[in-house]
Amino acid sequence: MNRPIVTLRQWGQSKLKKQFTLTPLSLMLAVGLSACAATGVSAPGARFADCAECPELVVIPAGSFDMGAPPEESAGQNVPDIFVRMALPVHRVTIPRPLAVGRTEVTRGQFAAFVAATGHASDPGPDGGCNVWQPDRRLWRVDADTTWRSVGFGQDDTHPVVCVNWADANAYAAWLSQRTGHAYRLLTEAEWEYATRAGTTTARPWGDAANDACPYANGADLTARADFADYEVADCADGFTHTAPAGALRPNAFGLHDTLGNVWEWVQDCVSTSYAGAPTDGSAYTVGRNCPRIVRGGSWLNYTWRLRSGFRIMFPPERRYTNMGFRVAREVE
C-alpha cells in the first residue's frame, strides 16, 4: 500500500520542530495544552480540555490513508469470510481538516458528570438491561441489574464507561456541545481508522504482530486466561482481565490511548457489507436513523484478530454491553 500523505514524523520534524526546537515530545504536548487553552489555536499534537469535566482531546492532522484490510492480513487467523469482505476493497480516504479526538475513551467519571448535570435516564431498550458475557457458555446474557454504574467487575471513575448504547453516546456528545459551545460528536468510521492507524500501514498501530499487543492494547491475553479458559489469547500479559483505566497503556503515534482493546467504540456510521461505494472524504456512511451501527477497536474480551486497525463489526444501536463504550471528537475552529 501507499504510505499516508501525513504522518506524525513528517509534521513532528517540520512544522512542530520549527516551533519547539529540540523540545521533547512530552513537553511539546504540555505546551500545546497551555497554548490551546489560552488562545483556542489547535495545532496538530495539541492537547486540551474545554472544561474540568470534559474529556482531554488531542488534535490530529489532516491527511490521507488507505482504509480497510487486505485479505492477506486475515490469512491463517480463522477470520470468518463476512469480516474479510466487510473490510474490502481497500480504498484511499482523505481527512480534509485537523480534528480534535478524545485522548482516551470516555470514562465512567466523565459520563457520571453528564448524568448529574442532565438527569439523563438511559432508555431501557429492548433488553431492559445490559448484556453480560458468560465465559463458560460463550454467549451474552441480559442482566436487568447491570448498568454503567455497576457492571459486575471492578471499575472506578478512571475506567472507560460501558453499558452505554449509541443513543447514550450521542446524548453525551450533545451535552458537551451545549456545555462548551463547541461541536462535539462521535467519530466517523473513516476518522476512527485514520486516528487509530496514526500514519501506519500495518495491521495494528505497533506493527503486525498480535503477540506484541500487551503494552498497547487490553485484549484477551494470558492475564485473562484464568477467567477465559481455552480462549485464543495473545501470548503476553497486560495485567487486566476486564477494563483497564483509560490511558493506562501506551499511546499510538498521534498520542491516542486504547484505540484498540479495552472497549469497543461506537462510531457514526451505519453498517455496510463492504466498502463498495463508501465515502472517500472522511464523512459517515448513513442510510437511516435506526440502522445497525459500526463499532471499532475490539475490547478486553476479544481475540487478537479482532484487535486490528481495519477490523469492523456492527451492533444494534439500542443494545448495551459490558465491553462497549465510545470516544468523542470535536471540530477544530
C-alpha atoms as a PDB file:
ATOM      1  CA  MET A   1       0.000   0.000   0.000  1.00  0.00           C
ATOM      2  CA  ASN A   2       0.996   3.643  -0.356  1.00  0.00           C
ATOM      3  CA  ARG A   3       2.046   5.434   2.763  1.00  0.00           C
ATOM      4  CA  PRO A   4      -0.235   8.150   4.167  1.00  0.00           C
ATOM      5  CA  ILE A   5       0.371  11.701   2.989  1.00  0.00           C
ATOM      6  CA  VAL A   6       0.734  12.982   6.549  1.00  0.00           C
ATOM      7  CA  THR A   7       2.488  11.135   9.344  1.00  0.00           C
ATOM      8  CA  LEU A   8       3.476  12.147  12.855  1.00  0.00           C
ATOM      9  CA  ARG A   9       7.136  12.051  11.862  1.00  0.00           C
ATOM     10  CA  GLN A  10       6.563  14.446   8.968  1.00  0.00           C
ATOM     11  CA  TRP A  11       4.858  17.168  10.952  1.00  0.00           C
ATOM     12  CA  GLY A  12       6.979  16.430  14.013  1.00  0.00           C
ATOM     13  CA  GLN A  13      10.167  17.110  12.062  1.00  0.00           C
ATOM     14  CA  SER A  14       8.904  20.121  10.158  1.00  0.00           C
ATOM     15  CA  LYS A  15       6.195  22.403  11.491  1.00  0.00           C
ATOM     16  CA  LEU A  16       6.416  21.466  15.163  1.00  0.00           C
ATOM     17  CA  LYS A  17      10.203  21.343  15.132  1.00  0.00           C
ATOM     18  CA  LYS A  18      10.270  24.943  13.916  1.00  0.00           C
ATOM     19  CA  GLN A  19       8.032  25.978  16.823  1.00  0.00           C
ATOM     20  CA  PHE A  20       9.686  23.915  19.568  1.00  0.00           C
ATOM     21  CA  THR A  21      13.316  23.371  18.601  1.00  0.00           C
ATOM     22  CA  LEU A  22      14.934  20.479  20.478  1.00  0.00           C
ATOM     23  CA  THR A  23      11.902  20.141  22.772  1.00  0.00           C
ATOM     24  CA  PRO A  24      10.904  16.617  23.935  1.00  0.00           C
ATOM     25  CA  LEU A  25       7.520  15.388  22.739  1.00  0.00           C
ATOM     26  CA  SER A  26       6.097  15.308  26.273  1.00  0.00           C
ATOM     27  CA  LEU A  27       6.942  18.994  26.755  1.00  0.00           C
ATOM     28  CA  MET A  28       5.609  19.828  23.304  1.00  0.00           C
ATOM     29  CA  LEU A  29       2.273  18.302  24.253  1.00  0.00           C
ATOM     30  CA  ALA A  30       2.197  20.211  27.541  1.00  0.00           C
ATOM     31  CA  VAL A  31       2.941  23.471  25.713  1.00  0.00           C
ATOM     32  CA  GLY A  32       0.200  22.604  23.246  1.00  0.00           C
ATOM     33  CA  LEU A  33      -2.232  22.112  26.126  1.00  0.00           C
ATOM     34  CA  SER A  34      -1.476  25.542  27.572  1.00  0.00           C
ATOM     35  CA  ALA A  35      -1.435  27.318  24.217  1.00  0.00           C
ATOM     36  CA  CYS A  36      -4.700  25.817  23.103  1.00  0.00           C
ATOM     37  CA  ALA A  37      -6.463  26.614  26.349  1.00  0.00           C
ATOM     38  CA  ALA A  38      -5.224  30.189  26.224  1.00  0.00           C
ATOM     39  CA  THR A  39      -5.742  31.020  22.564  1.00  0.00           C
ATOM     40  CA  GLY A  40      -8.068  28.411  21.083  1.00  0.00           C
ATOM     41  CA  VAL A  41      -5.458  27.664  18.393  1.00  0.00           C
ATOM     42  CA  SER A  42      -5.353  23.904  17.824  1.00  0.00           C
ATOM     43  CA  ALA A  43      -2.208  22.769  16.029  1.00  0.00           C
ATOM     44  CA  PRO A  44      -1.654  19.055  15.399  1.00  0.00           C
ATOM     45  CA  GLY A  45      -0.361  17.474  18.589  1.00  0.00           C
ATOM     46  CA  ALA A  46      -2.016  19.989  20.914  1.00  0.00           C
ATOM     47  CA  ARG A  47      -3.772  18.565  23.985  1.00  0.00           C
ATOM     48  CA  PHE A  48      -6.584  20.404  25.736  1.00  0.00           C
ATOM     49  CA  ALA A  49      -9.906  20.084  27.530  1.00  0.00           C
ATOM     50  CA  ASP A  50     -12.772  22.555  27.189  1.00  0.00           C
ATOM     51  CA  CYS A  51     -13.900  22.209  30.819  1.00  0.00           C
ATOM     52  CA  ALA A  52     -12.847  20.481  34.017  1.00  0.00           C
ATOM     53  CA  GLU A  53     -15.200  17.552  33.477  1.00  0.00           C
ATOM     54  CA  CYS A  54     -14.666  17.357  29.710  1.00  0.00           C
ATOM     55  CA  PRO A  55     -12.536  14.677  28.027  1.00  0.00           C
ATOM     56  CA  GLU A  56      -8.999  15.646  27.157  1.00  0.00           C
ATOM     57  CA  LEU A  57      -8.576  15.970  23.391  1.00  0.00           C
ATOM     58  CA  VAL A  58      -5.611  15.611  21.045  1.00  0.00           C
ATOM     59  CA  VAL A  59      -5.552  17.408  17.692  1.00  0.00           C
ATOM     60  CA  ILE A  60      -4.679  15.077  14.833  1.00  0.00           C
ATOM     61  CA  PRO A  61      -3.581  16.434  11.433  1.00  0.00           C
ATOM     62  CA  ALA A  62      -5.420  16.304   8.133  1.00  0.00           C
ATOM     63  CA  GLY A  63      -4.160  13.703   5.681  1.00  0.00           C
ATOM     64  CA  SER A  64      -4.907  10.678   3.522  1.00  0.00           C
ATOM     65  CA  PHE A  65      -4.648   6.949   4.145  1.00  0.00           C
ATOM     66  CA  ASP A  66      -5.635   3.558   2.757  1.00  0.00           C
ATOM     67  CA  MET A  67      -8.741   2.375   4.616  1.00  0.00           C
ATOM     68  CA  GLY A  68      -9.589  -1.304   5.020  1.00  0.00           C
ATOM     69  CA  ALA A  69      -7.730  -4.571   5.474  1.00  0.00           C
ATOM     70  CA  PRO A  70      -6.292  -6.664   2.621  1.00  0.00           C
ATOM     71  CA  PRO A  71      -7.237 -10.378   2.608  1.00  0.00           C
ATOM     72  CA  GLU A  72      -3.686 -11.480   3.393  1.00  0.00           C
ATOM     73  CA  GLU A  73      -3.924  -9.660   6.743  1.00  0.00           C
ATOM     74  CA  SER A  74      -6.570 -12.173   7.850  1.00  0.00           C
ATOM     75  CA  ALA A  75      -4.842 -15.256   6.447  1.00  0.00           C
ATOM     76  CA  GLY A  76      -4.301 -18.094   8.892  1.00  0.00           C
ATOM     77  CA  GLN A  77      -6.337 -16.485  11.702  1.00  0.00           C
ATOM     78  CA  ASN A  78      -9.699 -18.189  11.131  1.00  0.00           C
ATOM     79  CA  VAL A  79     -11.364 -14.855  10.414  1.00  0.00           C
ATOM     80  CA  PRO A  80     -14.904 -15.501   9.102  1.00  0.00           C
ATOM     81  CA  ASP A  81     -15.340 -14.548   5.452  1.00  0.00           C
ATOM     82  CA  ILE A  82     -18.018 -11.981   6.275  1.00  0.00           C
ATOM     83  CA  PHE A  83     -15.487  -9.884   8.187  1.00  0.00           C
ATOM     84  CA  VAL A  84     -12.882 -10.199   5.451  1.00  0.00           C
ATOM     85  CA  ARG A  85     -15.412  -8.896   2.902  1.00  0.00           C
ATOM     86  CA  MET A  86     -16.574  -6.070   5.159  1.00  0.00           C
ATOM     87  CA  ALA A  87     -13.060  -4.578   5.142  1.00  0.00           C
ATOM     88  CA  LEU A  88     -12.776  -4.586   1.338  1.00  0.00           C
ATOM     89  CA  PRO A  89     -11.999  -3.003  -1.022  1.00  0.00           C
ATOM     90  CA  VAL A  90      -9.069  -1.132   0.445  1.00  0.00           C
ATOM     91  CA  HIS A  91      -9.604   2.438  -0.709  1.00  0.00           C
ATOM     92  CA  ARG A  92      -7.989   5.851  -0.398  1.00  0.00           C
ATOM     93  CA  VAL A  93      -9.656   8.272   2.039  1.00  0.00           C
ATOM     94  CA  THR A  94      -8.799  11.894   2.751  1.00  0.00           C
ATOM     95  CA  ILE A  95      -9.443  13.530   6.111  1.00  0.00           C
ATOM     96  CA  PRO A  96      -9.678  17.131   4.937  1.00  0.00           C
ATOM     97  CA  ARG A  97      -9.191  19.049   8.190  1.00  0.00           C
ATOM     98  CA  PRO A  98      -7.476  18.612  11.542  1.00  0.00           C
ATOM     99  CA  LEU A  99      -9.740  17.091  14.182  1.00  0.00           C
ATOM    100  CA  ALA A 100      -9.636  17.034  17.970  1.00  0.00           C
ATOM    101  CA  VAL A 101     -10.102  13.445  19.201  1.00  0.00           C
ATOM    102  CA  GLY A 102     -10.556  12.095  22.718  1.00  0.00           C
ATOM    103  CA  ARG A 103      -7.148  11.092  24.085  1.00  0.00           C
ATOM    104  CA  THR A 104      -8.918   8.163  25.737  1.00  0.00           C
ATOM    105  CA  GLU A 105     -12.329   6.591  25.671  1.00  0.00           C
ATOM    106  CA  VAL A 106     -14.942   8.492  27.699  1.00  0.00           C
ATOM    107  CA  THR A 107     -14.582   7.474  31.337  1.00  0.00           C
ATOM    108  CA  ARG A 108     -17.208   6.483  33.856  1.00  0.00           C
ATOM    109  CA  GLY A 109     -16.490   9.667  35.819  1.00  0.00           C
ATOM    110  CA  GLN A 110     -16.975  11.868  32.764  1.00  0.00           C
ATOM    111  CA  PHE A 111     -20.222  10.114  31.905  1.00  0.00           C
ATOM    112  CA  ALA A 112     -21.380  10.473  35.525  1.00  0.00           C
ATOM    113  CA  ALA A 113     -20.860  14.250  35.303  1.00  0.00           C
ATOM    114  CA  PHE A 114     -23.149  14.307  32.252  1.00  0.00           C
ATOM    115  CA  VAL A 115     -25.840  12.287  34.038  1.00  0.00           C
ATOM    116  CA  ALA A 116     -25.625  14.506  37.125  1.00  0.00           C
ATOM    117  CA  ALA A 117     -25.942  17.662  35.015  1.00  0.00           C
ATOM    118  CA  THR A 118     -28.783  16.493  32.772  1.00  0.00           C
ATOM    119  CA  GLY A 119     -30.648  13.796  34.670  1.00  0.00           C
ATOM    120  CA  HIS A 120     -30.149  11.599  31.605  1.00  0.00           C
ATOM    121  CA  ALA A 121     -32.086   8.401  32.102  1.00  0.00           C
ATOM    122  CA  SER A 122     -30.984   5.720  29.689  1.00  0.00           C
ATOM    123  CA  ASP A 123     -33.839   4.239  27.716  1.00  0.00           C
ATOM    124  CA  PRO A 124     -34.121   0.638  28.940  1.00  0.00           C
ATOM    125  CA  GLY A 125     -34.056  -0.605  25.347  1.00  0.00           C
ATOM    126  CA  PRO A 126     -35.412  -3.915  24.128  1.00  0.00           C
ATOM    127  CA  ASP A 127     -33.416  -5.929  26.644  1.00  0.00           C
ATOM    128  CA  GLY A 128     -34.208  -3.950  29.768  1.00  0.00           C
ATOM    129  CA  GLY A 129     -30.596  -4.061  30.912  1.00  0.00           C
ATOM    130  CA  CYS A 130     -27.006  -4.615  29.854  1.00  0.00           C
ATOM    131  CA  ASN A 131     -25.587  -7.670  28.106  1.00  0.00           C
ATOM    132  CA  VAL A 132     -23.110  -9.566  30.290  1.00  0.00           C
ATOM    133  CA  TRP A 133     -20.646 -12.137  28.938  1.00  0.00           C
ATOM    134  CA  GLN A 134     -20.876 -15.715  30.244  1.00  0.00           C
ATOM    135  CA  PRO A 135     -17.460 -17.246  29.553  1.00  0.00           C
ATOM    136  CA  ASP A 136     -18.487 -20.817  30.417  1.00  0.00           C
ATOM    137  CA  ARG A 137     -21.271 -20.763  27.799  1.00  0.00           C
ATOM    138  CA  ARG A 138     -19.603 -18.267  25.429  1.00  0.00           C
ATOM    139  CA  LEU A 139     -22.718 -16.186  24.987  1.00  0.00           C
ATOM    140  CA  TRP A 140     -24.227 -12.907  26.130  1.00  0.00           C
ATOM    141  CA  ARG A 141     -26.959 -12.752  28.780  1.00  0.00           C
ATOM    142  CA  VAL A 142     -29.119  -9.724  29.545  1.00  0.00           C
ATOM    143  CA  ASP A 143     -28.954  -8.650  33.182  1.00  0.00           C
ATOM    144  CA  ALA A 144     -31.503  -6.032  34.250  1.00  0.00           C
ATOM    145  CA  ASP A 145     -29.397  -5.112  37.302  1.00  0.00           C
ATOM    146  CA  THR A 146     -26.232  -4.373  35.333  1.00  0.00           C
ATOM    147  CA  THR A 147     -25.811  -0.711  34.373  1.00  0.00           C
ATOM    148  CA  TRP A 148     -22.952   1.649  33.585  1.00  0.00           C
ATOM    149  CA  ARG A 149     -22.753   2.357  37.339  1.00  0.00           C
ATOM    150  CA  SER A 150     -22.338  -1.319  38.285  1.00  0.00           C
ATOM    151  CA  VAL A 151     -21.025  -3.648  35.603  1.00  0.00           C
ATOM    152  CA  GLY A 152     -20.207  -6.781  37.573  1.00  0.00           C
ATOM    153  CA  PHE A 153     -16.424  -6.358  37.666  1.00  0.00           C
ATOM    154  CA  GLY A 154     -14.047  -3.877  39.235  1.00  0.00           C
ATOM    155  CA  GLN A 155     -14.269  -0.348  37.845  1.00  0.00           C
ATOM    156  CA  ASP A 156     -13.759   3.163  39.161  1.00  0.00           C
ATOM    157  CA  ASP A 157     -14.276   6.565  37.570  1.00  0.00           C
ATOM    158  CA  THR A 158     -10.977   6.338  35.646  1.00  0.00           C
ATOM    159  CA  HIS A 159     -12.162   3.299  33.671  1.00  0.00           C
ATOM    160  CA  PRO A 160     -13.999   3.650  30.333  1.00  0.00           C
ATOM    161  CA  VAL A 161     -17.755   3.782  30.714  1.00  0.00           C
ATOM    162  CA  VAL A 162     -19.540   0.672  29.392  1.00  0.00           C
ATOM    163  CA  CYS A 163     -23.175  -0.437  29.185  1.00  0.00           C
ATOM    164  CA  VAL A 164     -23.952   2.612  27.038  1.00  0.00           C
ATOM    165  CA  ASN A 165     -25.706   2.393  23.689  1.00  0.00           C
ATOM    166  CA  TRP A 166     -25.419   4.554  20.596  1.00  0.00           C
ATOM    167  CA  ALA A 167     -28.116   6.977  21.779  1.00  0.00           C
ATOM    168  CA  ASP A 168     -26.392   7.386  25.160  1.00  0.00           C
ATOM    169  CA  ALA A 169     -23.117   8.212  23.401  1.00  0.00           C
ATOM    170  CA  ASN A 170     -24.767  10.797  21.156  1.00  0.00           C
ATOM    171  CA  ALA A 171     -26.627  12.347  24.088  1.00  0.00           C
ATOM    172  CA  TYR A 172     -23.314  12.758  25.896  1.00  0.00           C
ATOM    173  CA  ALA A 173     -21.735  14.436  22.857  1.00  0.00           C
ATOM    174  CA  ALA A 174     -24.743  16.759  22.525  1.00  0.00           C
ATOM    175  CA  TRP A 175     -24.370  17.754  26.184  1.00  0.00           C
ATOM    176  CA  LEU A 176     -20.682  18.538  25.677  1.00  0.00           C
ATOM    177  CA  SER A 177     -21.627  20.725  22.712  1.00  0.00           C
ATOM    178  CA  GLN A 178     -24.174  22.619  24.804  1.00  0.00           C
ATOM    179  CA  ARG A 179     -21.829  22.794  27.792  1.00  0.00           C
ATOM    180  CA  THR A 180     -18.839  24.171  25.875  1.00  0.00           C
ATOM    181  CA  GLY A 181     -20.224  25.885  22.791  1.00  0.00           C
ATOM    182  CA  HIS A 182     -18.093  23.640  20.543  1.00  0.00           C
ATOM    183  CA  ALA A 183     -19.281  20.946  18.137  1.00  0.00           C
ATOM    184  CA  TYR A 184     -18.762  17.522  19.755  1.00  0.00           C
ATOM    185  CA  ARG A 185     -19.815  14.245  18.141  1.00  0.00           C
ATOM    186  CA  LEU A 186     -18.862  10.636  17.587  1.00  0.00           C
ATOM    187  CA  LEU A 187     -16.077   9.994  15.095  1.00  0.00           C
ATOM    188  CA  THR A 188     -16.944   8.773  11.641  1.00  0.00           C
ATOM    189  CA  GLU A 189     -15.632   5.320  10.840  1.00  0.00           C
ATOM    190  CA  ALA A 190     -13.013   6.765   8.482  1.00  0.00           C
ATOM    191  CA  GLU A 191     -11.849   9.278  11.087  1.00  0.00           C
ATOM    192  CA  TRP A 192     -11.629   6.497  13.646  1.00  0.00           C
ATOM    193  CA  GLU A 193      -9.425   4.304  11.448  1.00  0.00           C
ATOM    194  CA  TYR A 194      -7.225   7.225  10.413  1.00  0.00           C
ATOM    195  CA  ALA A 195      -6.781   8.234  14.063  1.00  0.00           C
ATOM    196  CA  THR A 196      -6.026   4.642  15.066  1.00  0.00           C
ATOM    197  CA  ARG A 197      -3.505   3.978  12.316  1.00  0.00           C
ATOM    198  CA  ALA A 198      -1.695   7.245  13.088  1.00  0.00           C
ATOM    199  CA  GLY A 199       0.382   7.015   9.934  1.00  0.00           C
ATOM    200  CA  THR A 200       0.924   3.242   9.967  1.00  0.00           C
ATOM    201  CA  THR A 201       0.014   0.727   7.273  1.00  0.00           C
ATOM    202  CA  THR A 202       0.443  -2.385   9.415  1.00  0.00           C
ATOM    203  CA  ALA A 203      -2.389  -4.438  10.909  1.00  0.00           C
ATOM    204  CA  ARG A 204      -2.009  -2.626  14.221  1.00  0.00           C
ATOM    205  CA  PRO A 205      -0.508   0.711  15.267  1.00  0.00           C
ATOM    206  CA  TRP A 206       2.510  -1.038  16.825  1.00  0.00           C
ATOM    207  CA  GLY A 207       3.060  -3.413  13.871  1.00  0.00           C
ATOM    208  CA  ASP A 208       1.657  -6.677  12.553  1.00  0.00           C
ATOM    209  CA  ALA A 209       2.388  -8.996  15.488  1.00  0.00           C
ATOM    210  CA  ALA A 210      -0.633  -9.764  17.686  1.00  0.00           C
ATOM    211  CA  ASN A 211       1.625 -11.017  20.485  1.00  0.00           C
ATOM    212  CA  ASP A 212       3.164  -7.546  20.812  1.00  0.00           C
ATOM    213  CA  ALA A 213      -0.212  -6.106  21.849  1.00  0.00           C
ATOM    214  CA  CYS A 214       0.045  -6.011  25.638  1.00  0.00           C
ATOM    215  CA  PRO A 215       1.957  -2.740  26.116  1.00  0.00           C
ATOM    216  CA  TYR A 216      -0.609  -1.005  23.867  1.00  0.00           C
ATOM    217  CA  ALA A 217      -3.960  -2.815  23.925  1.00  0.00           C
ATOM    218  CA  ASN A 218      -6.043  -4.513  26.615  1.00  0.00           C
ATOM    219  CA  GLY A 219      -7.437  -7.607  24.910  1.00  0.00           C
ATOM    220  CA  ALA A 220      -7.755 -11.324  25.563  1.00  0.00           C
ATOM    221  CA  ASP A 221      -4.318 -12.357  26.803  1.00  0.00           C
ATOM    222  CA  LEU A 222      -2.556 -14.505  29.388  1.00  0.00           C
ATOM    223  CA  THR A 223      -3.915 -12.335  32.225  1.00  0.00           C
ATOM    224  CA  ALA A 224      -7.455 -13.222  31.207  1.00  0.00           C
ATOM    225  CA  ARG A 225      -6.745 -16.952  30.828  1.00  0.00           C
ATOM    226  CA  ALA A 226      -7.966 -17.734  34.352  1.00  0.00           C
ATOM    227  CA  ASP A 227     -11.441 -16.408  33.557  1.00  0.00           C
ATOM    228  CA  PHE A 228     -11.496 -17.325  29.881  1.00  0.00           C
ATOM    229  CA  ALA A 229     -10.037 -20.813  29.750  1.00  0.00           C
ATOM    230  CA  ASP A 230      -9.302 -22.282  26.312  1.00  0.00           C
ATOM    231  CA  TYR A 231      -9.741 -18.898  24.624  1.00  0.00           C
ATOM    232  CA  GLU A 232      -7.487 -17.817  21.781  1.00  0.00           C
ATOM    233  CA  VAL A 233      -5.308 -15.237  23.518  1.00  0.00           C
ATOM    234  CA  ALA A 234      -2.233 -13.163  22.831  1.00  0.00           C
ATOM    235  CA  ASP A 235       0.969 -14.700  24.178  1.00  0.00           C
ATOM    236  CA  CYS A 236       1.621 -11.801  26.537  1.00  0.00           C
ATOM    237  CA  ALA A 237       0.095 -10.300  29.687  1.00  0.00           C
ATOM    238  CA  ASP A 238      -1.213  -6.747  30.080  1.00  0.00           C
ATOM    239  CA  GLY A 239      -2.281  -7.162  33.721  1.00  0.00           C
ATOM    240  CA  PHE A 240      -6.018  -6.566  33.144  1.00  0.00           C
ATOM    241  CA  THR A 241      -8.760  -9.185  32.928  1.00  0.00           C
ATOM    242  CA  HIS A 242     -11.568  -6.679  32.263  1.00  0.00           C
ATOM    243  CA  THR A 243     -11.328  -2.940  31.576  1.00  0.00           C
ATOM    244  CA  ALA A 244      -8.122  -1.059  32.289  1.00  0.00           C
ATOM    245  CA  PRO A 245      -8.063   2.558  33.493  1.00  0.00           C
ATOM    246  CA  ALA A 246      -8.289   4.852  30.486  1.00  0.00           C
ATOM    247  CA  GLY A 247      -4.816   5.705  29.248  1.00  0.00           C
ATOM    248  CA  ALA A 248      -3.025   3.054  31.319  1.00  0.00           C
ATOM    249  CA  LEU A 249      -1.293   1.573  28.266  1.00  0.00           C
ATOM    250  CA  ARG A 250       0.975   3.151  25.665  1.00  0.00           C
ATOM    251  CA  PRO A 251      -0.491   5.580  23.099  1.00  0.00           C
ATOM    252  CA  ASN A 252      -0.183   5.431  19.335  1.00  0.00           C
ATOM    253  CA  ALA A 253       1.874   7.947  17.343  1.00  0.00           C
ATOM    254  CA  PHE A 254      -0.930  10.536  17.499  1.00  0.00           C
ATOM    255  CA  GLY A 255      -0.991  10.328  21.300  1.00  0.00           C
ATOM    256  CA  LEU A 256      -4.286   8.383  21.498  1.00  0.00           C
ATOM    257  CA  HIS A 257      -4.728   5.554  24.008  1.00  0.00           C
ATOM    258  CA  ASP A 258      -6.793   2.359  23.743  1.00  0.00           C
ATOM    259  CA  THR A 259      -7.865   2.775  20.144  1.00  0.00           C
ATOM    260  CA  LEU A 260      -7.509  -0.997  20.022  1.00  0.00           C
ATOM    261  CA  GLY A 261      -8.692  -3.008  23.003  1.00  0.00           C
ATOM    262  CA  ASN A 262     -10.266  -2.028  26.329  1.00  0.00           C
ATOM    263  CA  VAL A 263     -13.784  -1.368  24.940  1.00  0.00           C
ATOM    264  CA  TRP A 264     -15.454  -1.321  21.556  1.00  0.00           C
ATOM    265  CA  GLU A 265     -16.182   2.224  20.381  1.00  0.00           C
ATOM    266  CA  TRP A 266     -19.414   3.377  18.732  1.00  0.00           C
ATOM    267  CA  VAL A 267     -18.937   5.473  15.588  1.00  0.00           C
ATOM    268  CA  GLN A 268     -21.440   7.395  13.471  1.00  0.00           C
ATOM    269  CA  ASP A 269     -21.716   5.019  10.530  1.00  0.00           C
ATOM    270  CA  CYS A 270     -24.407   2.558   9.551  1.00  0.00           C
ATOM    271  CA  VAL A 271     -23.273  -0.943   8.700  1.00  0.00           C
ATOM    272  CA  SER A 272     -22.314  -1.823   5.134  1.00  0.00           C
ATOM    273  CA  THR A 273     -21.425  -5.276   3.845  1.00  0.00           C
ATOM    274  CA  SER A 274     -18.308  -3.898   2.123  1.00  0.00           C
ATOM    275  CA  TYR A 275     -16.642  -0.598   1.277  1.00  0.00           C
ATOM    276  CA  ALA A 276     -18.064  -0.578  -2.248  1.00  0.00           C
ATOM    277  CA  GLY A 277     -19.319   2.973  -2.779  1.00  0.00           C
ATOM    278  CA  ALA A 278     -18.076   4.136   0.631  1.00  0.00           C
ATOM    279  CA  PRO A 279     -17.332   7.853   1.129  1.00  0.00           C
ATOM    280  CA  THR A 280     -13.739   8.855   0.459  1.00  0.00           C
ATOM    281  CA  ASP A 281     -13.875  12.268   2.138  1.00  0.00           C
ATOM    282  CA  GLY A 282     -13.941  11.106   5.757  1.00  0.00           C
ATOM    283  CA  SER A 283     -17.706  11.506   6.127  1.00  0.00           C
ATOM    284  CA  ALA A 284     -20.020   8.900   7.646  1.00  0.00           C
ATOM    285  CA  TYR A 285     -21.982   6.302   5.682  1.00  0.00           C
ATOM    286  CA  THR A 286     -25.592   6.601   6.841  1.00  0.00           C
ATOM    287  CA  VAL A 287     -28.812   5.147   5.435  1.00  0.00           C
ATOM    288  CA  GLY A 288     -31.323   5.935   8.184  1.00  0.00           C
ATOM    289  CA  ARG A 289     -31.793   6.690  11.856  1.00  0.00           C
ATOM    290  CA  ASN A 290     -32.318   3.152  13.101  1.00  0.00           C
ATOM    291  CA  CYS A 291     -29.706   1.262  11.124  1.00  0.00           C
ATOM    292  CA  PRO A 292     -27.260  -1.112  12.827  1.00  0.00           C
ATOM    293  CA  ARG A 293     -24.167   0.898  13.718  1.00  0.00           C
ATOM    294  CA  ILE A 294     -20.481   0.113  13.353  1.00  0.00           C
ATOM    295  CA  VAL A 295     -18.263  -0.344  16.398  1.00  0.00           C
ATOM    296  CA  ARG A 296     -14.493  -0.371  16.198  1.00  0.00           C
ATOM    297  CA  GLY A 297     -11.371  -1.369  18.073  1.00  0.00           C
ATOM    298  CA  GLY A 298     -12.170  -4.569  19.944  1.00  0.00           C
ATOM    299  CA  SER A 299     -12.239  -4.946  23.713  1.00  0.00           C
ATOM    300  CA  TRP A 300     -10.821  -6.652  26.797  1.00  0.00           C
ATOM    301  CA  LEU A 301     -12.747  -9.786  25.793  1.00  0.00           C
ATOM    302  CA  ASN A 302     -11.715 -10.164  22.172  1.00  0.00           C
ATOM    303  CA  TYR A 303      -9.427 -12.454  20.233  1.00  0.00           C
ATOM    304  CA  THR A 304      -6.344 -10.970  18.646  1.00  0.00           C
ATOM    305  CA  TRP A 305      -7.711 -10.980  15.084  1.00  0.00           C
ATOM    306  CA  ARG A 306     -10.404  -8.510  16.132  1.00  0.00           C
ATOM    307  CA  LEU A 307      -7.806  -6.103  17.512  1.00  0.00           C
ATOM    308  CA  ARG A 308      -6.740  -4.709  14.158  1.00  0.00           C
ATOM    309  CA  SER A 309      -6.924  -1.192  12.719  1.00  0.00           C
ATOM    310  CA  GLY A 310      -9.006  -2.358   9.751  1.00  0.00           C
ATOM    311  CA  PHE A 311     -11.415  -4.691  11.541  1.00  0.00           C
ATOM    312  CA  ARG A 312     -15.092  -3.657  11.679  1.00  0.00           C
ATOM    313  CA  ILE A 313     -18.272  -5.137  13.055  1.00  0.00           C
ATOM    314  CA  MET A 314     -21.816  -3.922  13.695  1.00  0.00           C
ATOM    315  CA  PHE A 315     -24.252  -3.955  16.630  1.00  0.00           C
ATOM    316  CA  PRO A 316     -27.891  -2.877  17.066  1.00  0.00           C
ATOM    317  CA  PRO A 317     -27.699   0.739  18.283  1.00  0.00           C
ATOM    318  CA  GLU A 318     -30.173   0.237  21.129  1.00  0.00           C
ATOM    319  CA  ARG A 319     -28.214  -2.514  22.892  1.00  0.00           C
ATOM    320  CA  ARG A 320     -25.691  -2.202  25.693  1.00  0.00           C
ATOM    321  CA  TYR A 321     -22.736  -4.460  26.527  1.00  0.00           C
ATOM    322  CA  THR A 322     -20.151  -4.623  29.291  1.00  0.00           C
ATOM    323  CA  ASN A 323     -17.372  -4.293  26.718  1.00  0.00           C
ATOM    324  CA  MET A 324     -18.766  -1.395  24.687  1.00  0.00           C
ATOM    325  CA  GLY A 325     -18.139   2.340  25.137  1.00  0.00           C
ATOM    326  CA  PHE A 326     -17.176   5.291  22.960  1.00  0.00           C
ATOM    327  CA  ARG A 327     -14.774   8.140  22.205  1.00  0.00           C
ATOM    328  CA  VAL A 328     -15.681  11.679  21.141  1.00  0.00           C
ATOM    329  CA  ALA A 329     -14.350  14.142  18.599  1.00  0.00           C
ATOM    330  CA  ARG A 330     -14.633  17.904  18.335  1.00  0.00           C
ATOM    331  CA  GLU A 331     -14.417  20.156  15.326  1.00  0.00           C
ATOM    332  CA  VAL A 332     -11.342  22.393  15.301  1.00  0.00           C
ATOM    333  CA  GLU A 333     -12.277  26.028  14.777  1.00  0.00           C
END
